[in-house]
Amino acid sequence: MTSYIALLRGINVGGNNRIAMADLRRWIENLGYDGVATYIQSGNVVLTGPSRRTSEVAAEVRGAISTGCGLDVAVMVRTREELSQIVADNPYPEADLEPTKVHVAFLTDGRPDVTVLESLDPASYAPDEWALGQGVLYLRMPEGMGRSRLALALSRKPAGSATTVRNWRTVTTLLELAPA
């Protein structure tokens, strides 16, 4: 059995795209997955099932949401091993001390449009910084995401694929919740 982490984009934010976590768990359980657990209300799901491509798991979860409530939601899925590697590769060692200042942007297809990132002048976004990882973009925003000019720029110039962003605390908690 494989542990998966599903990250839903743009649900329960500002009263939009409302999905009850109990419904979400039930829809995913109805797909045949075990150990389905959600973490906070922003669409973080840990589940266990047969070893499959993460894109297949994402498509199933997306379909279950569409059937369950009519929403078309982007879903990014990583295995526990992939999430563990993302955590290990974090270039910002202060993340554990400031878990709400470091974020991970998960990319739907794992391939950012590098030309978008190259078009951004890092010096003009200081003290914010970013680093490209395997299928993710690490973001360090010392003044918080809400005040970040980098976050605003990236939301206006998407990195070439749908993304969903989680703070470091959420990322590490999801890793802890996923069975090894």
C-alpha atoms as a PDB file:
ATOM      1  CA  MET A   1       0.000   0.000   0.000  1.00  0.00           C
ATOM      2  CA  THR A   2       1.107   3.531  -0.758  1.00  0.00           C
ATOM      3  CA  SER A   3       0.437   6.678   1.267  1.00  0.00           C
ATOM      4  CA  TYR A   4      -0.657   9.674  -0.784  1.00  0.00           C
ATOM      5  CA  ILE A   5      -1.142  13.319   0.046  1.00  0.00           C
ATOM      6  CA  ALA A   6      -3.766  15.126  -2.053  1.00  0.00           C
ATOM      7  CA  LEU A   7      -3.705  18.924  -2.107  1.00  0.00           C
ATOM      8  CA  LEU A   8      -6.779  20.689  -3.445  1.00  0.00           C
ATOM      9  CA  ARG A   9      -6.443  24.124  -4.980  1.00  0.00           C
ATOM     10  CA  GLY A  10      -8.680  27.022  -3.994  1.00  0.00           C
ATOM     11  CA  ILE A  11     -11.290  25.419  -1.778  1.00  0.00           C
ATOM     12  CA  ASN A  12     -12.815  26.988   1.334  1.00  0.00           C
ATOM     13  CA  VAL A  13     -10.980  30.246   0.681  1.00  0.00           C
ATOM     14  CA  GLY A  14     -12.926  33.440   1.284  1.00  0.00           C
ATOM     15  CA  GLY A  15     -16.227  31.582   1.309  1.00  0.00           C
ATOM     16  CA  ASN A  16     -15.680  30.231  -2.207  1.00  0.00           C
ATOM     17  CA  ASN A  17     -15.682  26.625  -3.418  1.00  0.00           C
ATOM     18  CA  ARG A  18     -17.004  25.310  -0.105  1.00  0.00           C
ATOM     19  CA  ILE A  19     -16.420  21.627   0.566  1.00  0.00           C
ATOM     20  CA  ALA A  20     -17.111  20.009   3.927  1.00  0.00           C
ATOM     21  CA  MET A  21     -14.178  17.853   4.962  1.00  0.00           C
ATOM     22  CA  ALA A  22     -16.523  15.050   6.107  1.00  0.00           C
ATOM     23  CA  ASP A  23     -17.987  14.929   2.580  1.00  0.00           C
ATOM     24  CA  LEU A  24     -14.536  14.980   1.013  1.00  0.00           C
ATOM     25  CA  ARG A  25     -13.388  12.078   3.189  1.00  0.00           C
ATOM     26  CA  ARG A  26     -16.509  10.079   2.318  1.00  0.00           C
ATOM     27  CA  TRP A  27     -16.100  10.673  -1.449  1.00  0.00           C
ATOM     28  CA  ILE A  28     -12.482   9.505  -1.324  1.00  0.00           C
ATOM     29  CA  GLU A  29     -13.334   6.488   0.840  1.00  0.00           C
ATOM     30  CA  ASN A  30     -15.996   5.574  -1.738  1.00  0.00           C
ATOM     31  CA  LEU A  31     -13.164   5.369  -4.291  1.00  0.00           C
ATOM     32  CA  GLY A  32     -11.716   2.517  -2.228  1.00  0.00           C
ATOM     33  CA  TYR A  33      -8.963   4.364  -0.371  1.00  0.00           C
ATOM     34  CA  ASP A  34      -8.208   3.628   3.277  1.00  0.00           C
ATOM     35  CA  GLY A  35      -7.075   5.762   6.189  1.00  0.00           C
ATOM     36  CA  VAL A  36      -8.551   8.899   4.648  1.00  0.00           C
ATOM     37  CA  ALA A  37      -7.866  11.906   6.884  1.00  0.00           C
ATOM     38  CA  THR A  38      -8.122  15.624   6.283  1.00  0.00           C
ATOM     39  CA  TYR A  39      -6.033  18.350   7.851  1.00  0.00           C
ATOM     40  CA  ILE A  40      -7.517  21.821   8.349  1.00  0.00           C
ATOM     41  CA  GLN A  41     -10.196  23.098   5.995  1.00  0.00           C
ATOM     42  CA  SER A  42      -8.095  24.043   2.972  1.00  0.00           C
ATOM     43  CA  GLY A  43      -8.136  20.711   1.172  1.00  0.00           C
ATOM     44  CA  ASN A  44      -5.315  18.582   2.547  1.00  0.00           C
ATOM     45  CA  VAL A  45      -6.032  14.866   2.431  1.00  0.00           C
ATOM     46  CA  VAL A  46      -3.932  11.878   3.463  1.00  0.00           C
ATOM     47  CA  LEU A  47      -5.021   8.533   1.987  1.00  0.00           C
ATOM     48  CA  THR A  48      -3.693   5.034   1.453  1.00  0.00           C
ATOM     49  CA  GLY A  49      -4.225   2.739  -1.483  1.00  0.00           C
ATOM     50  CA  PRO A  50      -2.625   0.492  -4.080  1.00  0.00           C
ATOM     51  CA  SER A  51       0.520   1.785  -5.748  1.00  0.00           C
ATOM     52  CA  ARG A  52      -0.480   3.910  -8.754  1.00  0.00           C
ATOM     53  CA  ARG A  53       0.636   6.989 -10.613  1.00  0.00           C
ATOM     54  CA  THR A  54      -0.085  10.144  -8.661  1.00  0.00           C
ATOM     55  CA  SER A  55      -1.765  11.604 -11.756  1.00  0.00           C
ATOM     56  CA  GLU A  56      -4.281   8.727 -11.665  1.00  0.00           C
ATOM     57  CA  VAL A  57      -5.025   9.307  -7.985  1.00  0.00           C
ATOM     58  CA  ALA A  58      -5.428  13.043  -8.653  1.00  0.00           C
ATOM     59  CA  ALA A  59      -7.855  12.378 -11.525  1.00  0.00           C
ATOM     60  CA  GLU A  60      -9.931  10.052  -9.352  1.00  0.00           C
ATOM     61  CA  VAL A  61     -10.119  12.552  -6.483  1.00  0.00           C
ATOM     62  CA  ARG A  62     -10.955  15.359  -8.891  1.00  0.00           C
ATOM     63  CA  GLY A  63     -13.726  13.250 -10.423  1.00  0.00           C
ATOM     64  CA  ALA A  64     -15.134  12.350  -7.012  1.00  0.00           C
ATOM     65  CA  ILE A  65     -15.288  16.032  -6.062  1.00  0.00           C
ATOM     66  CA  SER A  66     -16.980  16.913  -9.341  1.00  0.00           C
ATOM     67  CA  THR A  67     -19.544  14.163  -8.861  1.00  0.00           C
ATOM     68  CA  GLY A  68     -20.026  14.959  -5.177  1.00  0.00           C
ATOM     69  CA  CYS A  69     -20.540  18.709  -5.371  1.00  0.00           C
ATOM     70  CA  GLY A  70     -20.131  19.857  -8.961  1.00  0.00           C
ATOM     71  CA  LEU A  71     -16.845  21.687  -8.459  1.00  0.00           C
ATOM     72  CA  ASP A  72     -13.913  21.326 -10.839  1.00  0.00           C
ATOM     73  CA  VAL A  73     -10.936  21.560  -8.488  1.00  0.00           C
ATOM     74  CA  ALA A  74      -7.274  21.159  -9.385  1.00  0.00           C
ATOM     75  CA  VAL A  75      -5.766  18.346  -7.319  1.00  0.00           C
ATOM     76  CA  MET A  76      -2.048  17.785  -6.792  1.00  0.00           C
ATOM     77  CA  VAL A  77      -1.000  14.410  -5.379  1.00  0.00           C
ATOM     78  CA  ARG A  78       2.359  13.361  -3.986  1.00  0.00           C
ATOM     79  CA  THR A  79       3.379  10.075  -2.413  1.00  0.00           C
ATOM     80  CA  ARG A  80       4.694  10.108   1.126  1.00  0.00           C
ATOM     81  CA  GLU A  81       8.159   9.423  -0.279  1.00  0.00           C
ATOM     82  CA  GLU A  82       7.909  12.373  -2.659  1.00  0.00           C
ATOM     83  CA  LEU A  83       6.731  14.665   0.133  1.00  0.00           C
ATOM     84  CA  SER A  84       9.539  13.410   2.341  1.00  0.00           C
ATOM     85  CA  GLN A  85      12.040  14.330  -0.377  1.00  0.00           C
ATOM     86  CA  ILE A  86      10.452  17.770  -0.777  1.00  0.00           C
ATOM     87  CA  VAL A  87      10.917  18.343   2.950  1.00  0.00           C
ATOM     88  CA  ALA A  88      14.512  17.073   2.834  1.00  0.00           C
ATOM     89  CA  ASP A  89      15.341  19.322  -0.141  1.00  0.00           C
ATOM     90  CA  ASN A  90      14.040  22.525   1.478  1.00  0.00           C
ATOM     91  CA  PRO A  91      16.735  25.176   0.909  1.00  0.00           C
ATOM     92  CA  TYR A  92      15.582  27.320   3.846  1.00  0.00           C
ATOM     93  CA  PRO A  93      16.888  25.827   7.111  1.00  0.00           C
ATOM     94  CA  GLU A  94      14.980  28.380   9.202  1.00  0.00           C
ATOM     95  CA  ALA A  95      11.687  26.838   8.064  1.00  0.00           C
ATOM     96  CA  ASP A  96      11.286  24.819  11.256  1.00  0.00           C
ATOM     97  CA  LEU A  97      11.770  27.964  13.339  1.00  0.00           C
ATOM     98  CA  GLU A  98       9.411  30.075  11.206  1.00  0.00           C
ATOM     99  CA  PRO A  99       6.984  27.566   9.656  1.00  0.00           C
ATOM    100  CA  THR A 100       4.528  30.233   8.503  1.00  0.00           C
ATOM    101  CA  LYS A 101       7.216  32.207   6.652  1.00  0.00           C
ATOM    102  CA  VAL A 102       8.318  29.383   4.347  1.00  0.00           C
ATOM    103  CA  HIS A 103       5.868  27.983   1.816  1.00  0.00           C
ATOM    104  CA  VAL A 104       5.848  25.301  -0.836  1.00  0.00           C
ATOM    105  CA  ALA A 105       4.004  25.864  -4.113  1.00  0.00           C
ATOM    106  CA  PHE A 106       3.035  22.463  -5.506  1.00  0.00           C
ATOM    107  CA  LEU A 107       2.801  22.384  -9.298  1.00  0.00           C
ATOM    108  CA  THR A 108       0.096  20.336 -11.006  1.00  0.00           C
ATOM    109  CA  ASP A 109       2.285  18.847 -13.671  1.00  0.00           C
ATOM    110  CA  GLY A 110       5.549  19.308 -11.791  1.00  0.00           C
ATOM    111  CA  ARG A 111       7.083  21.498 -14.492  1.00  0.00           C
ATOM    112  CA  PRO A 112       7.119  25.258 -13.965  1.00  0.00           C
ATOM    113  CA  ASP A 113       7.498  27.718 -16.783  1.00  0.00           C
ATOM    114  CA  VAL A 114      11.085  28.701 -16.018  1.00  0.00           C
ATOM    115  CA  THR A 115      10.809  31.774 -18.254  1.00  0.00           C
ATOM    116  CA  VAL A 116       8.268  33.227 -15.795  1.00  0.00           C
ATOM    117  CA  LEU A 117      10.712  32.784 -12.936  1.00  0.00           C
ATOM    118  CA  GLU A 118      13.604  34.129 -14.997  1.00  0.00           C
ATOM    119  CA  SER A 119      11.557  37.245 -15.770  1.00  0.00           C
ATOM    120  CA  LEU A 120      11.381  38.104 -12.060  1.00  0.00           C
ATOM    121  CA  ASP A 121      14.294  40.100 -10.649  1.00  0.00           C
ATOM    122  CA  PRO A 122      15.045  38.554  -7.239  1.00  0.00           C
ATOM    123  CA  ALA A 123      16.483  41.806  -5.856  1.00  0.00           C
ATOM    124  CA  SER A 124      13.223  43.646  -6.438  1.00  0.00           C
ATOM    125  CA  TYR A 125      11.354  41.195  -4.175  1.00  0.00           C
ATOM    126  CA  ALA A 126      13.796  41.152  -1.253  1.00  0.00           C
ATOM    127  CA  PRO A 127      13.564  40.050   1.469  1.00  0.00           C
ATOM    128  CA  ASP A 128      11.373  37.408  -0.224  1.00  0.00           C
ATOM    129  CA  GLU A 129      13.178  34.620  -2.052  1.00  0.00           C
ATOM    130  CA  TRP A 130      12.365  31.528  -4.048  1.00  0.00           C
ATOM    131  CA  ALA A 131      14.075  28.340  -5.115  1.00  0.00           C
ATOM    132  CA  LEU A 132      12.973  25.765  -7.634  1.00  0.00           C
ATOM    133  CA  GLY A 133      12.669  22.201  -6.367  1.00  0.00           C
ATOM    134  CA  GLN A 134      11.472  18.914  -7.834  1.00  0.00           C
ATOM    135  CA  GLY A 135       7.893  19.720  -8.872  1.00  0.00           C
ATOM    136  CA  VAL A 136       7.672  22.531  -6.338  1.00  0.00           C
ATOM    137  CA  LEU A 137       8.675  26.106  -5.806  1.00  0.00           C
ATOM    138  CA  TYR A 138      10.024  26.932  -2.335  1.00  0.00           C
ATOM    139  CA  LEU A 139       9.060  30.412  -1.155  1.00  0.00           C
ATOM    140  CA  ARG A 140      10.580  32.279   1.783  1.00  0.00           C
ATOM    141  CA  MET A 141       8.523  35.306   2.812  1.00  0.00           C
ATOM    142  CA  PRO A 142       9.851  36.737   6.098  1.00  0.00           C
ATOM    143  CA  GLU A 143       7.088  39.347   6.347  1.00  0.00           C
ATOM    144  CA  GLY A 144       4.343  36.814   5.636  1.00  0.00           C
ATOM    145  CA  MET A 145       2.512  35.757   2.524  1.00  0.00           C
ATOM    146  CA  GLY A 146      -0.191  38.410   2.917  1.00  0.00           C
ATOM    147  CA  ARG A 147       2.387  41.209   2.622  1.00  0.00           C
ATOM    148  CA  SER A 148       4.560  39.550   0.030  1.00  0.00           C
ATOM    149  CA  ARG A 149       5.101  41.296  -3.287  1.00  0.00           C
ATOM    150  CA  LEU A 150       6.575  38.033  -4.570  1.00  0.00           C
ATOM    151  CA  ALA A 151       3.363  36.131  -3.776  1.00  0.00           C
ATOM    152  CA  LEU A 152       1.383  38.805  -5.590  1.00  0.00           C
ATOM    153  CA  ALA A 153       3.695  38.700  -8.618  1.00  0.00           C
ATOM    154  CA  LEU A 154       3.517  34.910  -8.816  1.00  0.00           C
ATOM    155  CA  SER A 155      -0.272  34.962  -8.572  1.00  0.00           C
ATOM    156  CA  ARG A 156      -0.386  37.367 -11.517  1.00  0.00           C
ATOM    157  CA  LYS A 157       2.276  35.485 -13.524  1.00  0.00           C
ATOM    158  CA  PRO A 158       1.526  31.828 -12.931  1.00  0.00           C
ATOM    159  CA  ALA A 159       4.523  29.552 -13.139  1.00  0.00           C
ATOM    160  CA  GLY A 160       3.073  27.680 -16.124  1.00  0.00           C
ATOM    161  CA  SER A 161       0.839  25.203 -14.336  1.00  0.00           C
ATOM    162  CA  ALA A 162      -1.793  25.271 -11.654  1.00  0.00           C
ATOM    163  CA  THR A 163      -0.286  25.589  -8.208  1.00  0.00           C
ATOM    164  CA  THR A 164      -1.450  25.314  -4.656  1.00  0.00           C
ATOM    165  CA  VAL A 165       0.596  26.721  -1.818  1.00  0.00           C
ATOM    166  CA  ARG A 166       1.006  25.359   1.703  1.00  0.00           C
ATOM    167  CA  ASN A 167       3.038  26.782   4.561  1.00  0.00           C
ATOM    168  CA  TRP A 168       5.845  24.748   6.046  1.00  0.00           C
ATOM    169  CA  ARG A 169       3.834  23.788   9.132  1.00  0.00           C
ATOM    170  CA  THR A 170       1.134  22.234   6.938  1.00  0.00           C
ATOM    171  CA  VAL A 171       3.687  20.454   4.737  1.00  0.00           C
ATOM    172  CA  THR A 172       5.487  18.852   7.680  1.00  0.00           C
ATOM    173  CA  THR A 173       2.237  17.975   9.454  1.00  0.00           C
ATOM    174  CA  LEU A 174       0.953  16.196   6.343  1.00  0.00           C
ATOM    175  CA  LEU A 175       4.179  14.231   6.186  1.00  0.00           C
ATOM    176  CA  GLU A 176       3.738  13.206   9.824  1.00  0.00           C
ATOM    177  CA  LEU A 177       0.117  12.160   9.210  1.00  0.00           C
ATOM    178  CA  ALA A 178       0.944   9.963   6.197  1.00  0.00           C
ATOM    179  CA  PRO A 179       1.687   6.369   7.219  1.00  0.00           C
ATOM    180  CA  ALA A 180       5.196   5.200   6.321  1.00  0.00           C
END
